[in-house]
Amino acid sequence: MSPIVATEVAVGAVILLAVLVVAFVFVRRRAIQSGHILVLCAVRTPARPRWRLGYLRFGKSTLGWFSVAGPSLRPVREWPRSVVELSAPQPLEEPVPGLADTAVRVAVDAPGAPAGIELALSLNAYTALRSWTESQPPGRNIYVA
């Protein structure tokens, strides 16, 4: 095989691999969304102080965070909707690649979840998250006196 043909095969393989990776990310994102609200979000924990970009899915009864890159269709972190508490939004000290410059950070507190977890998301996504956490499905807490 001549060097030119070998180079063409190598370049073609790299292009094919890139197309397959982009297609996989697209199909995985569509599978994760599956009829739910999905927003771009970053997460930071005390154990891992760097922001990790991912997707935040507002499910019917849970809030799930998925990594952007990875094969799993299950959330890396998941919180029950009925117990999720959010702190007041604070501006980000440093920009998070992939998020808007106006992104805010908010602490997430839920019984049984590790303490100190923070989310970084756009202001519009924060408003949607706050609304989602404060609303409850019909029939929840109906006998509260």
N, C-alpha and C. Protein backbone atom coordinates (compact mmCIF):
# COMPACT_ATOMS: atom_id res chain seq x y z
N MET A 1 0.86 -1.18 0.00
CA MET A 1 0.00 0.00 0.00
C MET A 1 0.90 1.23 0.00
N SER A 2 0.58 2.16 -0.87
CA SER A 2 1.39 3.37 -0.98
C SER A 2 1.13 4.30 0.21
N PRO A 3 2.06 5.18 0.51
CA PRO A 3 1.89 6.10 1.64
C PRO A 3 0.67 7.02 1.47
N ILE A 4 0.35 7.38 0.26
CA ILE A 4 -0.82 8.26 0.03
C ILE A 4 -2.11 7.51 0.36
N VAL A 5 -2.23 6.28 -0.07
CA VAL A 5 -3.42 5.48 0.22
C VAL A 5 -3.53 5.22 1.72
N ALA A 6 -2.41 4.93 2.36
CA ALA A 6 -2.42 4.68 3.81
C ALA A 6 -2.86 5.94 4.56
N THR A 7 -2.40 7.10 4.11
CA THR A 7 -2.81 8.37 4.73
C THR A 7 -4.29 8.62 4.53
N GLU A 8 -4.79 8.36 3.33
CA GLU A 8 -6.22 8.54 3.07
C GLU A 8 -7.06 7.61 3.94
N VAL A 9 -6.64 6.37 4.11
CA VAL A 9 -7.37 5.42 4.96
C VAL A 9 -7.36 5.90 6.41
N ALA A 10 -6.21 6.38 6.88
CA ALA A 10 -6.10 6.85 8.26
C ALA A 10 -6.99 8.08 8.49
N VAL A 11 -6.96 9.01 7.57
CA VAL A 11 -7.80 10.22 7.69
C VAL A 11 -9.27 9.83 7.63
N GLY A 12 -9.63 8.93 6.74
CA GLY A 12 -11.01 8.46 6.66
C GLY A 12 -11.46 7.78 7.96
N ALA A 13 -10.58 6.99 8.55
CA ALA A 13 -10.92 6.33 9.82
C ALA A 13 -11.13 7.34 10.94
N VAL A 14 -10.28 8.38 10.98
CA VAL A 14 -10.42 9.42 12.00
C VAL A 14 -11.73 10.18 11.81
N ILE A 15 -12.06 10.51 10.58
CA ILE A 15 -13.32 11.22 10.30
C ILE A 15 -14.51 10.34 10.67
N LEU A 16 -14.47 9.08 10.32
CA LEU A 16 -15.55 8.16 10.67
C LEU A 16 -15.71 8.04 12.18
N LEU A 17 -14.59 7.95 12.89
CA LEU A 17 -14.64 7.88 14.35
C LEU A 17 -15.26 9.14 14.94
N ALA A 18 -14.88 10.31 14.42
CA ALA A 18 -15.44 11.57 14.90
C ALA A 18 -16.94 11.62 14.66
N VAL A 19 -17.40 11.19 13.50
CA VAL A 19 -18.83 11.17 13.20
C VAL A 19 -19.56 10.21 14.13
N LEU A 20 -18.99 9.06 14.40
CA LEU A 20 -19.61 8.10 15.31
C LEU A 20 -19.70 8.64 16.73
N VAL A 21 -18.68 9.34 17.20
CA VAL A 21 -18.71 9.92 18.54
C VAL A 21 -19.80 10.98 18.64
N VAL A 22 -19.88 11.86 17.65
CA VAL A 22 -20.92 12.91 17.65
C VAL A 22 -22.31 12.27 17.60
N ALA A 23 -22.48 11.26 16.78
CA ALA A 23 -23.78 10.57 16.70
C ALA A 23 -24.12 9.90 18.03
N PHE A 24 -23.13 9.29 18.67
CA PHE A 24 -23.38 8.64 19.97
C PHE A 24 -23.81 9.67 21.02
N VAL A 25 -23.12 10.81 21.08
CA VAL A 25 -23.46 11.85 22.05
C VAL A 25 -24.88 12.35 21.79
N PHE A 26 -25.24 12.55 20.54
CA PHE A 26 -26.58 13.02 20.19
C PHE A 26 -27.65 12.00 20.58
N VAL A 27 -27.44 10.75 20.23
CA VAL A 27 -28.43 9.70 20.54
C VAL A 27 -28.53 9.51 22.05
N ARG A 28 -27.41 9.54 22.76
CA ARG A 28 -27.44 9.40 24.22
C ARG A 28 -28.21 10.55 24.86
N ARG A 29 -27.98 11.78 24.39
CA ARG A 29 -28.70 12.93 24.94
C ARG A 29 -30.20 12.80 24.72
N ARG A 30 -30.59 12.35 23.53
CA ARG A 30 -32.02 12.15 23.25
C ARG A 30 -32.61 11.06 24.14
N ALA A 31 -31.86 10.01 24.40
CA ALA A 31 -32.33 8.92 25.27
C ALA A 31 -32.45 9.40 26.71
N ILE A 32 -31.52 10.21 27.16
CA ILE A 32 -31.58 10.73 28.53
C ILE A 32 -32.78 11.66 28.68
N GLN A 33 -33.01 12.49 27.68
CA GLN A 33 -34.12 13.45 27.76
C GLN A 33 -35.46 12.72 27.79
N SER A 34 -35.71 11.86 26.88
CA SER A 34 -36.91 11.03 26.77
C SER A 34 -38.17 11.65 27.38
N GLY A 35 -38.53 12.84 26.90
CA GLY A 35 -39.77 13.47 27.31
C GLY A 35 -39.67 14.32 28.57
N HIS A 36 -38.50 14.48 29.15
CA HIS A 36 -38.31 15.29 30.35
C HIS A 36 -37.59 16.59 29.99
N ILE A 37 -37.59 17.52 30.91
CA ILE A 37 -36.83 18.76 30.71
C ILE A 37 -35.37 18.45 30.98
N LEU A 38 -34.49 18.90 30.10
CA LEU A 38 -33.06 18.65 30.22
C LEU A 38 -32.33 19.96 30.00
N VAL A 39 -31.47 20.35 30.95
CA VAL A 39 -30.70 21.59 30.83
C VAL A 39 -29.22 21.29 31.03
N LEU A 40 -28.39 22.15 30.47
CA LEU A 40 -26.95 22.03 30.64
C LEU A 40 -26.59 22.57 32.02
N CYS A 41 -25.77 21.82 32.74
CA CYS A 41 -25.47 22.15 34.13
C CYS A 41 -24.10 21.58 34.49
N ALA A 42 -23.41 22.22 35.42
CA ALA A 42 -22.15 21.68 35.93
C ALA A 42 -22.33 21.39 37.42
N VAL A 43 -21.60 20.40 37.91
CA VAL A 43 -21.69 20.02 39.32
C VAL A 43 -20.29 20.06 39.93
N ARG A 44 -20.27 20.39 41.24
CA ARG A 44 -19.01 20.42 41.98
C ARG A 44 -19.28 19.87 43.38
N THR A 45 -18.40 19.01 43.85
CA THR A 45 -18.52 18.43 45.19
C THR A 45 -17.27 18.78 45.98
N PRO A 46 -17.35 18.69 47.32
CA PRO A 46 -16.13 18.94 48.11
C PRO A 46 -15.01 17.95 47.77
N ALA A 47 -15.37 16.72 47.41
CA ALA A 47 -14.37 15.72 47.06
C ALA A 47 -13.73 16.03 45.71
N ARG A 48 -14.49 16.60 44.79
CA ARG A 48 -13.99 16.96 43.45
C ARG A 48 -14.30 18.44 43.21
N PRO A 49 -13.40 19.35 43.59
CA PRO A 49 -13.71 20.78 43.52
C PRO A 49 -13.75 21.39 42.12
N ARG A 50 -13.42 20.63 41.08
CA ARG A 50 -13.54 21.14 39.71
C ARG A 50 -14.96 20.96 39.21
N TRP A 51 -15.42 21.92 38.40
CA TRP A 51 -16.75 21.82 37.81
C TRP A 51 -16.74 20.74 36.74
N ARG A 52 -17.75 19.87 36.76
CA ARG A 52 -17.93 18.83 35.74
C ARG A 52 -19.21 19.14 34.97
N LEU A 53 -19.08 19.31 33.68
CA LEU A 53 -20.23 19.66 32.83
C LEU A 53 -21.10 18.44 32.60
N GLY A 54 -22.41 18.67 32.60
CA GLY A 54 -23.34 17.58 32.38
C GLY A 54 -24.74 18.09 32.09
N TYR A 55 -25.68 17.18 32.16
CA TYR A 55 -27.09 17.49 31.93
C TYR A 55 -27.87 17.30 33.22
N LEU A 56 -28.80 18.20 33.50
CA LEU A 56 -29.68 18.09 34.64
C LEU A 56 -31.07 17.77 34.10
N ARG A 57 -31.64 16.64 34.54
CA ARG A 57 -32.94 16.21 34.05
C ARG A 57 -33.98 16.36 35.16
N PHE A 58 -35.06 17.07 34.84
CA PHE A 58 -36.17 17.23 35.77
C PHE A 58 -37.15 16.10 35.50
N GLY A 59 -37.10 15.05 36.29
CA GLY A 59 -38.01 13.93 36.14
C GLY A 59 -39.32 14.20 36.86
N LYS A 60 -40.20 13.21 36.87
CA LYS A 60 -41.48 13.37 37.57
C LYS A 60 -41.28 13.40 39.07
N SER A 61 -40.38 12.55 39.58
CA SER A 61 -40.18 12.49 41.03
C SER A 61 -38.73 12.63 41.45
N THR A 62 -37.82 12.78 40.49
CA THR A 62 -36.40 12.91 40.83
C THR A 62 -35.72 13.95 39.97
N LEU A 63 -34.62 14.46 40.50
CA LEU A 63 -33.75 15.37 39.79
C LEU A 63 -32.46 14.60 39.55
N GLY A 64 -32.09 14.42 38.29
CA GLY A 64 -30.91 13.61 37.97
C GLY A 64 -29.86 14.39 37.23
N TRP A 65 -28.59 14.14 37.56
CA TRP A 65 -27.47 14.77 36.86
C TRP A 65 -26.69 13.71 36.11
N PHE A 66 -26.46 13.95 34.82
CA PHE A 66 -25.74 13.04 33.94
C PHE A 66 -24.48 13.73 33.42
N SER A 67 -23.40 13.00 33.33
CA SER A 67 -22.18 13.52 32.74
C SER A 67 -22.38 13.69 31.23
N VAL A 68 -21.76 14.72 30.65
CA VAL A 68 -21.88 14.94 29.21
C VAL A 68 -21.25 13.79 28.45
N ALA A 69 -20.06 13.41 28.86
CA ALA A 69 -19.34 12.33 28.18
C ALA A 69 -19.42 11.07 29.02
N GLY A 70 -19.81 10.01 28.41
CA GLY A 70 -19.89 8.73 29.10
C GLY A 70 -20.98 7.88 28.50
N PRO A 71 -20.87 6.58 28.67
CA PRO A 71 -21.84 5.69 28.03
C PRO A 71 -23.11 5.45 28.85
N SER A 72 -23.12 5.83 30.12
CA SER A 72 -24.24 5.48 31.00
C SER A 72 -25.50 6.27 30.70
N LEU A 73 -26.63 5.57 30.76
CA LEU A 73 -27.93 6.22 30.63
C LEU A 73 -28.57 6.43 32.00
N ARG A 74 -27.84 6.13 33.06
CA ARG A 74 -28.33 6.35 34.43
C ARG A 74 -27.66 7.59 35.00
N PRO A 75 -28.35 8.33 35.85
CA PRO A 75 -27.75 9.54 36.41
C PRO A 75 -26.59 9.22 37.34
N VAL A 76 -25.59 10.10 37.32
CA VAL A 76 -24.46 9.98 38.23
C VAL A 76 -24.91 10.37 39.63
N ARG A 77 -25.74 11.41 39.72
CA ARG A 77 -26.32 11.87 40.99
C ARG A 77 -27.83 11.99 40.80
N GLU A 78 -28.57 11.65 41.84
CA GLU A 78 -30.03 11.72 41.77
C GLU A 78 -30.58 12.14 43.13
N TRP A 79 -31.54 13.06 43.11
CA TRP A 79 -32.17 13.55 44.33
C TRP A 79 -33.68 13.42 44.20
N PRO A 80 -34.37 13.00 45.28
CA PRO A 80 -35.84 12.95 45.24
C PRO A 80 -36.41 14.37 45.19
N ARG A 81 -37.42 14.56 44.38
CA ARG A 81 -38.02 15.88 44.20
C ARG A 81 -38.60 16.44 45.49
N SER A 82 -39.18 15.59 46.30
CA SER A 82 -39.90 16.07 47.49
C SER A 82 -38.98 16.61 48.57
N VAL A 83 -37.68 16.31 48.53
CA VAL A 83 -36.78 16.75 49.60
C VAL A 83 -35.66 17.66 49.13
N VAL A 84 -35.60 17.99 47.85
CA VAL A 84 -34.54 18.84 47.33
C VAL A 84 -34.74 20.27 47.82
N GLU A 85 -33.67 20.85 48.39
CA GLU A 85 -33.69 22.24 48.81
C GLU A 85 -32.53 22.96 48.14
N LEU A 86 -32.81 24.14 47.62
CA LEU A 86 -31.80 24.93 46.92
C LEU A 86 -31.47 26.19 47.71
N SER A 87 -30.21 26.58 47.69
CA SER A 87 -29.82 27.84 48.32
C SER A 87 -30.10 28.99 47.36
N ALA A 88 -29.87 30.19 47.83
CA ALA A 88 -30.02 31.36 46.96
C ALA A 88 -28.91 31.34 45.90
N PRO A 89 -29.21 31.80 44.69
CA PRO A 89 -28.19 31.77 43.64
C PRO A 89 -27.07 32.77 43.93
N GLN A 90 -25.85 32.37 43.64
CA GLN A 90 -24.67 33.21 43.81
C GLN A 90 -23.95 33.29 42.47
N PRO A 91 -23.31 34.42 42.17
CA PRO A 91 -22.55 34.49 40.92
C PRO A 91 -21.34 33.55 40.98
N LEU A 92 -20.93 33.07 39.83
CA LEU A 92 -19.76 32.20 39.76
C LEU A 92 -18.48 33.02 39.91
N GLU A 93 -17.51 32.47 40.64
CA GLU A 93 -16.22 33.15 40.78
C GLU A 93 -15.41 33.02 39.51
N GLU A 94 -15.46 31.85 38.89
CA GLU A 94 -14.72 31.60 37.66
C GLU A 94 -15.69 31.06 36.61
N PRO A 95 -15.46 31.38 35.34
CA PRO A 95 -16.37 30.87 34.31
C PRO A 95 -16.25 29.36 34.15
N VAL A 96 -17.36 28.74 33.81
CA VAL A 96 -17.39 27.31 33.54
C VAL A 96 -17.51 27.12 32.04
N PRO A 97 -16.53 26.46 31.41
CA PRO A 97 -16.62 26.25 29.96
C PRO A 97 -17.90 25.51 29.58
N GLY A 98 -18.62 26.05 28.62
CA GLY A 98 -19.86 25.44 28.16
C GLY A 98 -21.10 26.12 28.71
N LEU A 99 -20.94 26.92 29.77
CA LEU A 99 -22.08 27.64 30.35
C LEU A 99 -21.98 29.13 30.02
N ALA A 100 -23.11 29.81 30.07
CA ALA A 100 -23.15 31.24 29.78
C ALA A 100 -22.37 32.03 30.84
N ASP A 101 -21.95 33.23 30.46
CA ASP A 101 -21.23 34.09 31.40
C ASP A 101 -22.10 34.52 32.57
N THR A 102 -23.40 34.49 32.39
CA THR A 102 -24.33 34.90 33.44
C THR A 102 -24.77 33.73 34.32
N ALA A 103 -24.07 32.62 34.24
CA ALA A 103 -24.44 31.44 35.02
C ALA A 103 -24.31 31.72 36.52
N VAL A 104 -25.11 31.02 37.29
CA VAL A 104 -25.07 31.15 38.75
C VAL A 104 -24.79 29.79 39.37
N ARG A 105 -24.36 29.81 40.62
CA ARG A 105 -24.15 28.56 41.35
C ARG A 105 -25.15 28.50 42.49
N VAL A 106 -25.56 27.31 42.81
CA VAL A 106 -26.55 27.10 43.86
C VAL A 106 -26.21 25.80 44.58
N ALA A 107 -26.30 25.82 45.89
CA ALA A 107 -26.04 24.61 46.68
C ALA A 107 -27.30 23.76 46.73
N VAL A 108 -27.12 22.45 46.64
CA VAL A 108 -28.23 21.50 46.69
C VAL A 108 -28.14 20.76 48.02
N ASP A 109 -29.24 20.73 48.73
CA ASP A 109 -29.29 20.01 50.00
C ASP A 109 -30.46 19.05 49.96
N ALA A 110 -30.19 17.81 50.29
CA ALA A 110 -31.23 16.78 50.35
C ALA A 110 -30.83 15.78 51.42
N PRO A 111 -31.78 15.37 52.27
CA PRO A 111 -31.45 14.37 53.29
C PRO A 111 -30.91 13.09 52.65
N GLY A 112 -29.81 12.60 53.20
CA GLY A 112 -29.20 11.39 52.69
C GLY A 112 -28.19 11.62 51.59
N ALA A 113 -28.12 12.84 51.04
CA ALA A 113 -27.16 13.16 49.99
C ALA A 113 -25.92 13.78 50.62
N PRO A 114 -24.76 13.63 49.99
CA PRO A 114 -23.56 14.26 50.53
C PRO A 114 -23.71 15.77 50.61
N ALA A 115 -23.14 16.37 51.65
CA ALA A 115 -23.24 17.82 51.83
C ALA A 115 -22.24 18.53 50.93
N GLY A 116 -22.55 19.76 50.59
CA GLY A 116 -21.62 20.60 49.84
C GLY A 116 -21.69 20.49 48.34
N ILE A 117 -22.71 19.86 47.79
CA ILE A 117 -22.83 19.75 46.34
C ILE A 117 -23.37 21.07 45.79
N GLU A 118 -22.71 21.57 44.75
CA GLU A 118 -23.13 22.81 44.10
C GLU A 118 -23.41 22.56 42.63
N LEU A 119 -24.40 23.26 42.12
CA LEU A 119 -24.73 23.23 40.70
C LEU A 119 -24.45 24.59 40.10
N ALA A 120 -23.95 24.62 38.88
CA ALA A 120 -23.78 25.85 38.12
C ALA A 120 -24.64 25.74 36.88
N LEU A 121 -25.53 26.71 36.68
CA LEU A 121 -26.42 26.68 35.53
C LEU A 121 -26.82 28.08 35.14
N SER A 122 -27.37 28.21 33.95
CA SER A 122 -27.78 29.53 33.47
C SER A 122 -28.91 30.06 34.35
N LEU A 123 -29.11 31.35 34.30
CA LEU A 123 -30.15 31.96 35.13
C LEU A 123 -31.53 31.45 34.76
N ASN A 124 -31.80 31.25 33.47
CA ASN A 124 -33.09 30.71 33.04
C ASN A 124 -33.28 29.29 33.54
N ALA A 125 -32.22 28.48 33.47
CA ALA A 125 -32.32 27.10 33.96
C ALA A 125 -32.51 27.09 35.48
N TYR A 126 -31.88 28.03 36.19
CA TYR A 126 -32.09 28.11 37.64
C TYR A 126 -33.54 28.44 37.95
N THR A 127 -34.12 29.37 37.21
CA THR A 127 -35.52 29.72 37.43
C THR A 127 -36.43 28.52 37.20
N ALA A 128 -36.16 27.75 36.15
CA ALA A 128 -36.94 26.54 35.89
C ALA A 128 -36.75 25.51 37.00
N LEU A 129 -35.52 25.36 37.48
CA LEU A 129 -35.24 24.41 38.57
C LEU A 129 -35.95 24.82 39.85
N ARG A 130 -35.90 26.09 40.18
CA ARG A 130 -36.57 26.58 41.39
C ARG A 130 -38.07 26.35 41.29
N SER A 131 -38.66 26.64 40.14
CA SER A 131 -40.08 26.42 39.94
C SER A 131 -40.43 24.94 40.05
N TRP A 132 -39.59 24.08 39.47
CA TRP A 132 -39.82 22.64 39.50
C TRP A 132 -39.77 22.11 40.93
N THR A 133 -38.81 22.59 41.73
CA THR A 133 -38.69 22.08 43.10
C THR A 133 -39.82 22.58 44.00
N GLU A 134 -40.31 23.77 43.73
CA GLU A 134 -41.36 24.32 44.59
C GLU A 134 -42.75 23.83 44.24
N SER A 135 -42.94 23.32 43.04
CA SER A 135 -44.24 22.77 42.67
C SER A 135 -44.26 21.29 43.00
N GLN A 136 -45.39 20.80 43.38
CA GLN A 136 -45.54 19.40 43.72
C GLN A 136 -46.70 18.82 42.90
N PRO A 137 -46.61 17.56 42.56
CA PRO A 137 -47.73 16.95 41.84
C PRO A 137 -48.99 16.94 42.71
N PRO A 138 -50.16 16.88 42.08
CA PRO A 138 -51.40 16.82 42.85
C PRO A 138 -51.40 15.60 43.78
N GLY A 139 -51.95 15.80 44.97
CA GLY A 139 -52.03 14.71 45.92
C GLY A 139 -50.90 14.63 46.89
N ARG A 140 -49.87 15.47 46.73
CA ARG A 140 -48.75 15.47 47.66
C ARG A 140 -49.05 16.43 48.80
N ASN A 141 -48.86 15.99 50.01
CA ASN A 141 -49.02 16.81 51.20
C ASN A 141 -50.41 17.45 51.29
N ILE A 142 -51.45 16.69 50.97
CA ILE A 142 -52.78 17.28 50.97
C ILE A 142 -53.39 17.33 52.36
N TYR A 143 -52.83 16.58 53.31
CA TYR A 143 -53.38 16.55 54.65
C TYR A 143 -52.52 17.35 55.64
N VAL A 144 -51.85 18.37 55.17
CA VAL A 144 -51.04 19.20 56.03
C VAL A 144 -51.96 20.20 56.72
N ALA A 145 -51.87 20.26 58.04
CA ALA A 145 -52.74 21.16 58.81
C ALA A 145 -52.13 22.51 58.96
